[in-house]
Amino acid sequence: MPSLRLTPLAEKDLEGIWRYTAEHWSPRQADSYLNALFDAMTGLAAGTRQARPVVVVADYIKTTSGSHMIYARPEPDGLFIIRVLHESMDVEQHLSP
């Protein structure tokens, strides 16, 4: 099985997504939403989920899950999740190296 690694920023993104969802809906909904995000990440790593190239950063790919976009970099042994951003966020600002 391919590995799935997350940057500290991606981990922080997921924590914020869970917290926001729990506060505005419920902890149960937050768990469900995060499970869907992890399913999408796992699918990307396994090659069973489609991705598109990221225009602003070479070698990155992206896919949607709910209202969020998952940005990742493929690696020989799996996938490195760079960020998980809400669809309304400025990608260039948050992905610029």
N, C-alpha and C. Protein backbone atom coordinates (compact mmCIF):
# COMPACT_ATOMS: atom_id res chain seq x y z
N MET A 1 0.84 -1.19 0.00
CA MET A 1 0.00 0.00 0.00
C MET A 1 0.88 1.24 0.00
N PRO A 2 0.57 2.21 -0.86
CA PRO A 2 1.36 3.44 -0.91
C PRO A 2 1.26 4.22 0.40
N SER A 3 2.33 4.91 0.73
CA SER A 3 2.32 5.70 1.96
C SER A 3 1.61 7.03 1.74
N LEU A 4 1.13 7.59 2.83
CA LEU A 4 0.45 8.88 2.82
C LEU A 4 1.06 9.71 3.94
N ARG A 5 1.73 10.79 3.56
CA ARG A 5 2.34 11.68 4.56
C ARG A 5 1.71 13.05 4.45
N LEU A 6 1.65 13.78 5.56
CA LEU A 6 1.08 15.12 5.58
C LEU A 6 2.10 16.11 6.11
N THR A 7 2.13 17.29 5.51
CA THR A 7 2.96 18.36 6.05
C THR A 7 2.33 18.84 7.36
N PRO A 8 3.11 19.51 8.20
CA PRO A 8 2.51 20.11 9.41
C PRO A 8 1.38 21.09 9.06
N LEU A 9 1.52 21.82 7.94
CA LEU A 9 0.45 22.74 7.54
C LEU A 9 -0.82 21.98 7.15
N ALA A 10 -0.68 20.85 6.48
CA ALA A 10 -1.85 20.05 6.12
C ALA A 10 -2.53 19.51 7.38
N GLU A 11 -1.73 19.07 8.36
CA GLU A 11 -2.30 18.61 9.62
C GLU A 11 -3.07 19.74 10.31
N LYS A 12 -2.48 20.93 10.29
CA LYS A 12 -3.14 22.10 10.89
C LYS A 12 -4.43 22.44 10.13
N ASP A 13 -4.39 22.32 8.80
CA ASP A 13 -5.60 22.55 7.99
C ASP A 13 -6.71 21.61 8.44
N LEU A 14 -6.38 20.33 8.59
CA LEU A 14 -7.39 19.33 8.96
C LEU A 14 -7.94 19.58 10.36
N GLU A 15 -7.08 19.98 11.28
CA GLU A 15 -7.54 20.31 12.63
C GLU A 15 -8.53 21.48 12.59
N GLY A 16 -8.20 22.50 11.80
CA GLY A 16 -9.08 23.66 11.68
C GLY A 16 -10.41 23.31 11.03
N ILE A 17 -10.36 22.45 10.02
CA ILE A 17 -11.58 22.01 9.34
C ILE A 17 -12.47 21.26 10.32
N TRP A 18 -11.88 20.37 11.11
CA TRP A 18 -12.66 19.60 12.08
C TRP A 18 -13.29 20.55 13.11
N ARG A 19 -12.49 21.45 13.65
CA ARG A 19 -12.97 22.38 14.67
C ARG A 19 -14.11 23.25 14.15
N TYR A 20 -13.93 23.80 12.96
CA TYR A 20 -14.97 24.65 12.36
C TYR A 20 -16.26 23.86 12.15
N THR A 21 -16.14 22.68 11.61
CA THR A 21 -17.32 21.85 11.33
C THR A 21 -18.01 21.45 12.62
N ALA A 22 -17.24 21.08 13.64
CA ALA A 22 -17.83 20.69 14.93
C ALA A 22 -18.57 21.86 15.57
N GLU A 23 -17.99 23.07 15.48
CA GLU A 23 -18.61 24.25 16.09
C GLU A 23 -19.87 24.68 15.36
N HIS A 24 -19.88 24.56 14.03
CA HIS A 24 -21.02 25.04 13.25
C HIS A 24 -22.08 23.98 12.99
N TRP A 25 -21.73 22.72 13.06
CA TRP A 25 -22.68 21.63 12.84
C TRP A 25 -22.66 20.69 14.03
N SER A 26 -21.70 19.78 14.07
CA SER A 26 -21.60 18.87 15.22
C SER A 26 -20.28 18.10 15.13
N PRO A 27 -19.81 17.58 16.27
CA PRO A 27 -18.61 16.74 16.22
C PRO A 27 -18.81 15.51 15.33
N ARG A 28 -20.00 14.96 15.32
CA ARG A 28 -20.26 13.80 14.46
C ARG A 28 -20.10 14.16 12.98
N GLN A 29 -20.63 15.33 12.60
CA GLN A 29 -20.48 15.78 11.22
C GLN A 29 -19.01 16.07 10.90
N ALA A 30 -18.28 16.62 11.88
CA ALA A 30 -16.85 16.89 11.68
C ALA A 30 -16.08 15.60 11.44
N ASP A 31 -16.40 14.56 12.21
CA ASP A 31 -15.75 13.26 12.01
C ASP A 31 -16.04 12.71 10.62
N SER A 32 -17.30 12.80 10.22
CA SER A 32 -17.71 12.29 8.91
C SER A 32 -17.00 13.04 7.78
N TYR A 33 -16.91 14.36 7.91
CA TYR A 33 -16.27 15.18 6.88
C TYR A 33 -14.77 14.84 6.78
N LEU A 34 -14.11 14.72 7.94
CA LEU A 34 -12.69 14.37 7.92
C LEU A 34 -12.46 12.97 7.35
N ASN A 35 -13.35 12.04 7.66
CA ASN A 35 -13.24 10.70 7.06
C ASN A 35 -13.32 10.77 5.55
N ALA A 36 -14.20 11.62 5.02
CA ALA A 36 -14.31 11.77 3.57
C ALA A 36 -13.02 12.37 2.99
N LEU A 37 -12.43 13.33 3.69
CA LEU A 37 -11.16 13.91 3.23
C LEU A 37 -10.06 12.85 3.22
N PHE A 38 -9.99 12.04 4.27
CA PHE A 38 -8.97 10.98 4.32
C PHE A 38 -9.22 9.91 3.26
N ASP A 39 -10.48 9.61 2.99
CA ASP A 39 -10.79 8.67 1.91
C ASP A 39 -10.28 9.21 0.57
N ALA A 40 -10.46 10.51 0.34
CA ALA A 40 -9.98 11.12 -0.89
C ALA A 40 -8.45 11.06 -0.97
N MET A 41 -7.78 11.35 0.14
CA MET A 41 -6.31 11.30 0.16
C MET A 41 -5.81 9.88 -0.09
N THR A 42 -6.43 8.92 0.55
CA THR A 42 -6.06 7.52 0.37
C THR A 42 -6.28 7.08 -1.07
N GLY A 43 -7.38 7.51 -1.66
CA GLY A 43 -7.66 7.20 -3.06
C GLY A 43 -6.61 7.80 -3.99
N LEU A 44 -6.18 9.03 -3.70
CA LEU A 44 -5.11 9.64 -4.50
C LEU A 44 -3.83 8.83 -4.39
N ALA A 45 -3.48 8.46 -3.16
CA ALA A 45 -2.23 7.71 -2.94
C ALA A 45 -2.27 6.35 -3.64
N ALA A 46 -3.45 5.73 -3.65
CA ALA A 46 -3.59 4.40 -4.26
C ALA A 46 -3.78 4.47 -5.77
N GLY A 47 -4.02 5.66 -6.29
CA GLY A 47 -4.22 5.81 -7.72
C GLY A 47 -5.63 5.49 -8.18
N THR A 48 -6.57 5.40 -7.23
CA THR A 48 -7.96 5.08 -7.57
C THR A 48 -8.83 6.33 -7.65
N ARG A 49 -8.26 7.48 -7.35
CA ARG A 49 -9.00 8.74 -7.43
C ARG A 49 -8.31 9.65 -8.42
N GLN A 50 -9.08 10.31 -9.24
CA GLN A 50 -8.53 11.20 -10.27
C GLN A 50 -8.03 12.50 -9.65
N ALA A 51 -6.99 13.04 -10.25
CA ALA A 51 -6.41 14.31 -9.83
C ALA A 51 -6.10 15.14 -11.06
N ARG A 52 -6.00 16.43 -10.83
CA ARG A 52 -5.60 17.36 -11.89
C ARG A 52 -4.30 18.04 -11.48
N PRO A 53 -3.51 18.49 -12.46
CA PRO A 53 -2.29 19.22 -12.11
C PRO A 53 -2.63 20.58 -11.51
N VAL A 54 -1.73 21.07 -10.68
CA VAL A 54 -1.88 22.40 -10.08
C VAL A 54 -1.09 23.37 -10.94
N VAL A 55 -1.73 24.41 -11.41
CA VAL A 55 -1.09 25.37 -12.31
C VAL A 55 -0.03 26.21 -11.60
N VAL A 56 -0.28 26.61 -10.35
CA VAL A 56 0.62 27.54 -9.68
C VAL A 56 1.89 26.90 -9.13
N VAL A 57 1.92 25.57 -8.98
CA VAL A 57 3.12 24.89 -8.50
C VAL A 57 3.33 23.62 -9.32
N ALA A 58 4.46 23.55 -10.00
CA ALA A 58 4.77 22.37 -10.81
C ALA A 58 4.89 21.14 -9.91
N ASP A 59 4.51 20.00 -10.43
CA ASP A 59 4.62 18.70 -9.77
C ASP A 59 3.59 18.46 -8.67
N TYR A 60 2.67 19.39 -8.45
CA TYR A 60 1.60 19.18 -7.47
C TYR A 60 0.35 18.73 -8.22
N ILE A 61 -0.48 17.96 -7.51
CA ILE A 61 -1.78 17.57 -8.05
C ILE A 61 -2.85 17.99 -7.05
N LYS A 62 -4.11 17.98 -7.50
CA LYS A 62 -5.20 18.38 -6.61
C LYS A 62 -6.45 17.56 -6.92
N THR A 63 -7.30 17.47 -5.91
CA THR A 63 -8.61 16.86 -6.07
C THR A 63 -9.54 17.51 -5.05
N THR A 64 -10.82 17.44 -5.32
CA THR A 64 -11.79 18.03 -4.40
C THR A 64 -12.38 16.97 -3.49
N SER A 65 -12.82 17.43 -2.34
CA SER A 65 -13.59 16.61 -1.41
C SER A 65 -14.47 17.59 -0.63
N GLY A 66 -15.76 17.49 -0.83
CA GLY A 66 -16.66 18.45 -0.20
C GLY A 66 -16.36 19.84 -0.69
N SER A 67 -16.19 20.77 0.24
CA SER A 67 -15.87 22.16 -0.10
C SER A 67 -14.38 22.44 -0.05
N HIS A 68 -13.57 21.39 -0.02
CA HIS A 68 -12.12 21.57 0.11
C HIS A 68 -11.36 20.96 -1.06
N MET A 69 -10.19 21.51 -1.28
CA MET A 69 -9.29 21.03 -2.31
C MET A 69 -8.06 20.47 -1.61
N ILE A 70 -7.70 19.26 -1.99
CA ILE A 70 -6.52 18.61 -1.43
C ILE A 70 -5.38 18.80 -2.43
N TYR A 71 -4.28 19.37 -1.95
CA TYR A 71 -3.09 19.60 -2.78
C TYR A 71 -2.00 18.64 -2.32
N ALA A 72 -1.39 17.95 -3.28
CA ALA A 72 -0.41 16.92 -2.93
C ALA A 72 0.71 16.85 -3.95
N ARG A 73 1.78 16.19 -3.53
CA ARG A 73 2.91 15.92 -4.43
C ARG A 73 3.14 14.41 -4.45
N PRO A 74 3.04 13.82 -5.62
CA PRO A 74 3.32 12.38 -5.71
C PRO A 74 4.79 12.11 -5.40
N GLU A 75 5.03 11.00 -4.73
CA GLU A 75 6.38 10.55 -4.41
C GLU A 75 6.51 9.10 -4.88
N PRO A 76 7.72 8.60 -5.03
CA PRO A 76 7.89 7.23 -5.53
C PRO A 76 7.14 6.17 -4.70
N ASP A 77 7.05 6.38 -3.39
CA ASP A 77 6.41 5.37 -2.54
C ASP A 77 5.01 5.77 -2.05
N GLY A 78 4.47 6.88 -2.56
CA GLY A 78 3.13 7.29 -2.10
C GLY A 78 2.82 8.73 -2.43
N LEU A 79 2.27 9.42 -1.45
CA LEU A 79 1.77 10.77 -1.68
C LEU A 79 2.07 11.65 -0.47
N PHE A 80 2.48 12.88 -0.74
CA PHE A 80 2.77 13.86 0.30
C PHE A 80 1.69 14.93 0.21
N ILE A 81 0.81 15.01 1.21
CA ILE A 81 -0.26 16.00 1.23
C ILE A 81 0.34 17.33 1.69
N ILE A 82 0.24 18.33 0.84
CA ILE A 82 0.84 19.63 1.10
C ILE A 82 -0.11 20.53 1.89
N ARG A 83 -1.35 20.68 1.41
CA ARG A 83 -2.36 21.51 2.07
C ARG A 83 -3.74 20.96 1.78
N VAL A 84 -4.70 21.34 2.63
CA VAL A 84 -6.11 21.06 2.42
C VAL A 84 -6.81 22.40 2.61
N LEU A 85 -7.21 23.02 1.50
CA LEU A 85 -7.71 24.39 1.53
C LEU A 85 -9.18 24.46 1.11
N HIS A 86 -9.91 25.36 1.74
CA HIS A 86 -11.29 25.59 1.33
C HIS A 86 -11.29 26.14 -0.08
N GLU A 87 -12.32 25.79 -0.85
CA GLU A 87 -12.39 26.20 -2.25
C GLU A 87 -12.36 27.71 -2.45
N SER A 88 -12.72 28.49 -1.42
CA SER A 88 -12.74 29.95 -1.56
C SER A 88 -11.39 30.60 -1.25
N MET A 89 -10.42 29.81 -0.79
CA MET A 89 -9.12 30.38 -0.40
C MET A 89 -8.25 30.67 -1.63
N ASP A 90 -7.36 31.64 -1.48
CA ASP A 90 -6.43 32.04 -2.53
C ASP A 90 -5.29 31.02 -2.60
N VAL A 91 -5.32 30.20 -3.64
CA VAL A 91 -4.36 29.11 -3.78
C VAL A 91 -2.94 29.63 -3.88
N GLU A 92 -2.73 30.64 -4.69
CA GLU A 92 -1.37 31.16 -4.87
C GLU A 92 -0.78 31.63 -3.55
N GLN A 93 -1.58 32.27 -2.72
CA GLN A 93 -1.10 32.76 -1.43
C GLN A 93 -0.69 31.62 -0.51
N HIS A 94 -1.45 30.53 -0.52
CA HIS A 94 -1.22 29.45 0.42
C HIS A 94 -0.29 28.34 -0.09
N LEU A 95 -0.02 28.32 -1.39
CA LEU A 95 0.87 27.28 -1.94
C LEU A 95 2.23 27.81 -2.40
N SER A 96 2.39 29.10 -2.44
CA SER A 96 3.64 29.65 -2.94
C SER A 96 4.81 29.14 -2.12
N PRO A 97 5.83 28.64 -2.81
CA PRO A 97 7.02 28.11 -2.09
C PRO A 97 7.79 29.20 -1.39
